[in-house]
């Protein structure tokens, strides 16, 4: 399946400046693996040393957070759009 992965501004420098990248895969995990094969520098920003998706990295399939679907095992269809959204924290307490 051909899947478009939208890259947030903060990570574009690790993806040759691309705002979106076409990847392949039948699941979110496969599409993200395709993404990091094409742009290995993204891997450490998306995954822990154990290979798990970092807790501050949110991935959406269309408008749905994959955590509320099937996680990385969520199936994707041809032409699906995945969006990576890093959590932002900070401010005053």
N, C-alpha and C. Protein backbone atom coordinates (compact mmCIF):
# COMPACT_ATOMS: atom_id res chain seq x y z
N UNK A 1 0.84 -1.19 0.00
CA UNK A 1 0.00 0.00 0.00
C UNK A 1 0.88 1.25 0.00
N UNK A 2 0.48 2.24 -0.71
CA UNK A 2 1.17 3.52 -0.71
C UNK A 2 0.51 4.42 0.33
N UNK A 3 1.32 4.91 1.25
CA UNK A 3 0.84 5.72 2.37
C UNK A 3 1.65 7.00 2.41
N UNK A 4 1.00 8.13 2.67
CA UNK A 4 1.70 9.40 2.82
C UNK A 4 1.88 9.66 4.31
N UNK A 5 3.13 9.95 4.70
CA UNK A 5 3.42 10.28 6.09
C UNK A 5 3.76 11.76 6.14
N UNK A 6 2.99 12.50 6.93
CA UNK A 6 3.22 13.94 7.10
C UNK A 6 4.25 14.13 8.21
N UNK A 7 5.29 14.90 7.90
CA UNK A 7 6.40 15.11 8.82
C UNK A 7 6.27 16.49 9.47
N UNK A 8 6.30 16.57 10.81
CA UNK A 8 6.20 17.87 11.47
C UNK A 8 7.45 18.71 11.22
N UNK A 9 7.30 19.99 11.28
CA UNK A 9 8.40 20.91 11.03
C UNK A 9 9.63 20.57 11.84
N UNK A 10 9.46 20.22 13.11
CA UNK A 10 10.59 19.94 13.99
C UNK A 10 11.42 18.74 13.54
N UNK A 11 10.85 17.85 12.74
CA UNK A 11 11.58 16.65 12.31
C UNK A 11 11.98 16.68 10.84
N UNK A 12 11.62 17.71 10.13
CA UNK A 12 11.90 17.75 8.69
C UNK A 12 13.38 17.75 8.35
N UNK A 13 14.20 18.30 9.22
CA UNK A 13 15.64 18.31 8.94
C UNK A 13 16.21 16.89 8.91
N UNK A 14 15.53 15.94 9.55
CA UNK A 14 15.96 14.53 9.55
C UNK A 14 15.34 13.76 8.37
N UNK A 15 14.53 14.45 7.58
CA UNK A 15 13.86 13.84 6.43
C UNK A 15 14.15 14.64 5.16
N UNK A 16 15.37 15.17 5.09
CA UNK A 16 15.80 15.96 3.93
C UNK A 16 14.88 17.14 3.64
N UNK A 17 14.26 17.69 4.69
CA UNK A 17 13.41 18.86 4.54
C UNK A 17 12.02 18.58 4.02
N UNK A 18 11.67 17.33 3.83
CA UNK A 18 10.37 16.97 3.28
C UNK A 18 9.23 17.18 4.29
N UNK A 19 8.13 17.73 3.81
CA UNK A 19 6.93 17.89 4.63
C UNK A 19 6.09 16.61 4.61
N UNK A 20 6.26 15.82 3.56
CA UNK A 20 5.56 14.53 3.46
C UNK A 20 6.43 13.56 2.69
N UNK A 21 6.24 12.28 3.01
CA UNK A 21 7.02 11.23 2.38
C UNK A 21 6.08 10.08 2.04
N UNK A 22 6.21 9.57 0.84
CA UNK A 22 5.42 8.42 0.44
C UNK A 22 6.13 7.15 0.90
N UNK A 23 5.40 6.32 1.62
CA UNK A 23 5.93 5.08 2.18
C UNK A 23 5.05 3.93 1.75
N UNK A 24 5.51 2.72 2.05
CA UNK A 24 4.72 1.55 1.75
C UNK A 24 4.47 0.77 3.04
N UNK A 25 3.39 0.02 3.07
CA UNK A 25 3.09 -0.83 4.21
C UNK A 25 1.61 -1.11 4.30
N UNK A 26 1.30 -2.21 4.95
CA UNK A 26 -0.10 -2.59 5.16
C UNK A 26 -0.59 -2.20 6.55
N UNK A 27 0.36 -1.82 7.42
CA UNK A 27 0.02 -1.38 8.78
C UNK A 27 0.78 -0.09 9.08
N UNK A 28 0.40 0.55 10.17
CA UNK A 28 1.12 1.75 10.60
C UNK A 28 2.58 1.40 10.87
N UNK A 29 2.84 0.28 11.54
CA UNK A 29 4.22 -0.13 11.84
C UNK A 29 5.03 -0.30 10.57
N UNK A 30 4.46 -0.94 9.56
CA UNK A 30 5.18 -1.14 8.30
C UNK A 30 5.45 0.18 7.59
N UNK A 31 4.49 1.09 7.63
CA UNK A 31 4.68 2.39 6.99
C UNK A 31 5.77 3.18 7.71
N UNK A 32 5.78 3.13 9.04
CA UNK A 32 6.82 3.83 9.79
C UNK A 32 8.19 3.19 9.57
N UNK A 33 8.22 1.87 9.42
CA UNK A 33 9.48 1.19 9.11
C UNK A 33 9.99 1.63 7.74
N UNK A 34 9.09 1.75 6.78
CA UNK A 34 9.46 2.24 5.45
C UNK A 34 10.00 3.66 5.54
N UNK A 35 9.37 4.48 6.36
CA UNK A 35 9.81 5.86 6.56
C UNK A 35 11.23 5.91 7.10
N UNK A 36 11.51 5.12 8.15
CA UNK A 36 12.84 5.17 8.76
C UNK A 36 13.89 4.45 7.91
N UNK A 37 13.48 3.56 7.03
CA UNK A 37 14.43 2.98 6.07
C UNK A 37 14.87 4.05 5.07
N UNK A 38 13.93 4.89 4.66
CA UNK A 38 14.24 5.96 3.72
C UNK A 38 15.03 7.08 4.38
N UNK A 39 14.74 7.33 5.66
CA UNK A 39 15.37 8.43 6.40
C UNK A 39 15.77 7.93 7.78
N UNK A 40 16.89 7.19 7.87
CA UNK A 40 17.31 6.58 9.13
C UNK A 40 17.47 7.55 10.29
N UNK A 41 17.80 8.80 10.03
CA UNK A 41 17.99 9.77 11.10
C UNK A 41 16.70 10.02 11.88
N UNK A 42 15.55 9.74 11.29
CA UNK A 42 14.27 9.92 11.99
C UNK A 42 14.05 8.89 13.09
N UNK A 43 14.68 7.74 12.94
CA UNK A 43 14.41 6.62 13.84
C UNK A 43 14.58 6.98 15.31
N UNK A 44 15.69 7.60 15.68
CA UNK A 44 15.94 7.90 17.10
C UNK A 44 14.97 8.95 17.64
N UNK A 45 14.33 9.69 16.77
CA UNK A 45 13.36 10.69 17.21
C UNK A 45 11.95 10.10 17.33
N UNK A 46 11.74 8.96 16.71
CA UNK A 46 10.42 8.32 16.75
C UNK A 46 10.36 7.14 17.70
N UNK A 47 11.49 6.44 17.87
CA UNK A 47 11.50 5.19 18.64
C UNK A 47 12.53 5.20 19.75
N UNK A 48 12.22 4.43 20.80
CA UNK A 48 13.18 4.25 21.90
C UNK A 48 14.24 3.25 21.46
N UNK A 49 15.25 3.05 22.30
CA UNK A 49 16.29 2.06 22.01
C UNK A 49 15.70 0.66 21.91
N UNK A 50 14.57 0.43 22.59
CA UNK A 50 13.90 -0.87 22.55
C UNK A 50 13.00 -1.02 21.33
N UNK A 51 12.88 0.03 20.52
CA UNK A 51 12.09 -0.04 19.30
C UNK A 51 10.63 0.39 19.46
N UNK A 52 10.26 0.85 20.65
CA UNK A 52 8.88 1.29 20.88
C UNK A 52 8.72 2.74 20.43
N UNK A 53 7.53 3.06 19.98
CA UNK A 53 7.22 4.44 19.62
C UNK A 53 7.37 5.31 20.86
N UNK A 54 8.08 6.40 20.76
CA UNK A 54 8.29 7.28 21.93
C UNK A 54 6.95 7.80 22.44
N UNK A 55 6.87 7.98 23.75
CA UNK A 55 5.61 8.38 24.37
C UNK A 55 5.16 9.77 23.93
N UNK A 56 6.08 10.63 23.54
CA UNK A 56 5.71 11.98 23.13
C UNK A 56 5.44 12.10 21.63
N UNK A 57 5.48 10.97 20.93
CA UNK A 57 5.20 10.97 19.49
C UNK A 57 3.80 10.42 19.28
N UNK A 58 2.93 11.24 18.75
CA UNK A 58 1.56 10.82 18.44
C UNK A 58 1.45 10.60 16.93
N UNK A 59 0.76 9.54 16.56
CA UNK A 59 0.57 9.24 15.14
C UNK A 59 -0.93 9.16 14.88
N UNK A 60 -1.36 9.87 13.87
CA UNK A 60 -2.77 9.89 13.48
C UNK A 60 -2.94 9.25 12.12
N UNK A 61 -3.96 8.45 12.00
CA UNK A 61 -4.39 7.90 10.72
C UNK A 61 -5.62 8.70 10.35
N UNK A 62 -5.47 9.58 9.36
CA UNK A 62 -6.55 10.53 9.09
C UNK A 62 -6.72 11.41 10.31
N UNK A 63 -7.91 11.41 10.89
CA UNK A 63 -8.21 12.23 12.07
C UNK A 63 -8.13 11.44 13.38
N UNK A 64 -7.81 10.13 13.29
CA UNK A 64 -7.85 9.25 14.46
C UNK A 64 -6.46 8.96 15.01
N UNK A 65 -6.31 9.13 16.31
CA UNK A 65 -5.09 8.78 17.02
C UNK A 65 -4.97 7.25 17.01
N UNK A 66 -3.84 6.72 16.54
CA UNK A 66 -3.71 5.26 16.43
C UNK A 66 -3.78 4.57 17.79
N UNK A 67 -3.53 5.30 18.88
CA UNK A 67 -3.61 4.69 20.22
C UNK A 67 -5.03 4.21 20.50
N UNK A 68 -6.02 4.83 19.87
CA UNK A 68 -7.42 4.46 20.09
C UNK A 68 -7.95 3.55 18.98
N UNK A 69 -7.07 3.18 18.08
CA UNK A 69 -7.42 2.22 17.03
C UNK A 69 -6.72 0.92 17.41
N UNK A 70 -5.84 0.46 16.59
CA UNK A 70 -5.10 -0.77 16.89
C UNK A 70 -3.63 -0.53 17.15
N UNK A 71 -3.27 0.71 17.53
CA UNK A 71 -1.86 1.03 17.71
C UNK A 71 -1.12 0.90 16.40
N UNK A 72 0.13 0.46 16.49
CA UNK A 72 0.93 0.33 15.27
C UNK A 72 0.46 -0.82 14.39
N UNK A 73 -0.36 -1.71 14.94
CA UNK A 73 -0.90 -2.82 14.14
C UNK A 73 -2.10 -2.39 13.30
N UNK A 74 -2.51 -1.13 13.43
CA UNK A 74 -3.64 -0.62 12.67
C UNK A 74 -3.37 -0.75 11.17
N UNK A 75 -4.31 -1.34 10.46
CA UNK A 75 -4.20 -1.50 9.01
C UNK A 75 -4.37 -0.15 8.32
N UNK A 76 -3.64 0.02 7.24
CA UNK A 76 -3.79 1.23 6.42
C UNK A 76 -4.23 0.81 5.03
N UNK A 77 -4.93 1.69 4.37
CA UNK A 77 -5.39 1.42 3.02
C UNK A 77 -4.60 2.27 2.03
N UNK A 78 -4.68 1.90 0.78
CA UNK A 78 -4.01 2.65 -0.28
C UNK A 78 -4.40 4.12 -0.20
N UNK A 79 -3.40 5.00 -0.20
CA UNK A 79 -3.66 6.43 -0.17
C UNK A 79 -3.89 7.01 1.21
N UNK A 80 -3.76 6.18 2.26
CA UNK A 80 -3.95 6.68 3.63
C UNK A 80 -2.92 7.76 3.95
N UNK A 81 -3.28 8.61 4.91
CA UNK A 81 -2.38 9.66 5.36
C UNK A 81 -2.13 9.47 6.85
N UNK A 82 -0.85 9.32 7.20
CA UNK A 82 -0.42 9.27 8.59
C UNK A 82 0.21 10.61 8.91
N UNK A 83 -0.09 11.13 10.08
CA UNK A 83 0.49 12.39 10.50
C UNK A 83 1.22 12.17 11.82
N UNK A 84 2.48 12.57 11.87
CA UNK A 84 3.26 12.49 13.09
C UNK A 84 3.13 13.82 13.81
N UNK A 85 2.71 13.77 15.07
CA UNK A 85 2.52 14.99 15.85
C UNK A 85 3.27 14.83 17.17
N UNK A 86 4.40 15.53 17.32
CA UNK A 86 5.11 15.43 18.60
C UNK A 86 4.36 16.23 19.67
N UNK A 87 4.30 15.66 20.86
CA UNK A 87 3.68 16.39 21.98
C UNK A 87 4.58 17.55 22.36
N UNK A 88 3.94 18.61 22.79
CA UNK A 88 4.68 19.79 23.23
C UNK A 88 4.31 20.07 24.66
N UNK A 89 5.31 20.21 25.49
CA UNK A 89 5.06 20.47 26.91
C UNK A 89 5.84 21.73 27.29
N UNK A 90 5.47 22.26 28.42
CA UNK A 90 6.19 23.43 28.91
C UNK A 90 5.25 24.50 29.38
N UNK A 91 5.79 25.64 29.61
CA UNK A 91 4.99 26.74 30.08
C UNK A 91 5.18 26.97 31.57
N UNK A 92 4.40 27.81 32.11
CA UNK A 92 4.48 28.15 33.53
C UNK A 92 3.50 27.36 34.33
N UNK A 93 3.86 27.10 35.55
CA UNK A 93 2.94 26.38 36.42
C UNK A 93 2.31 27.31 37.43
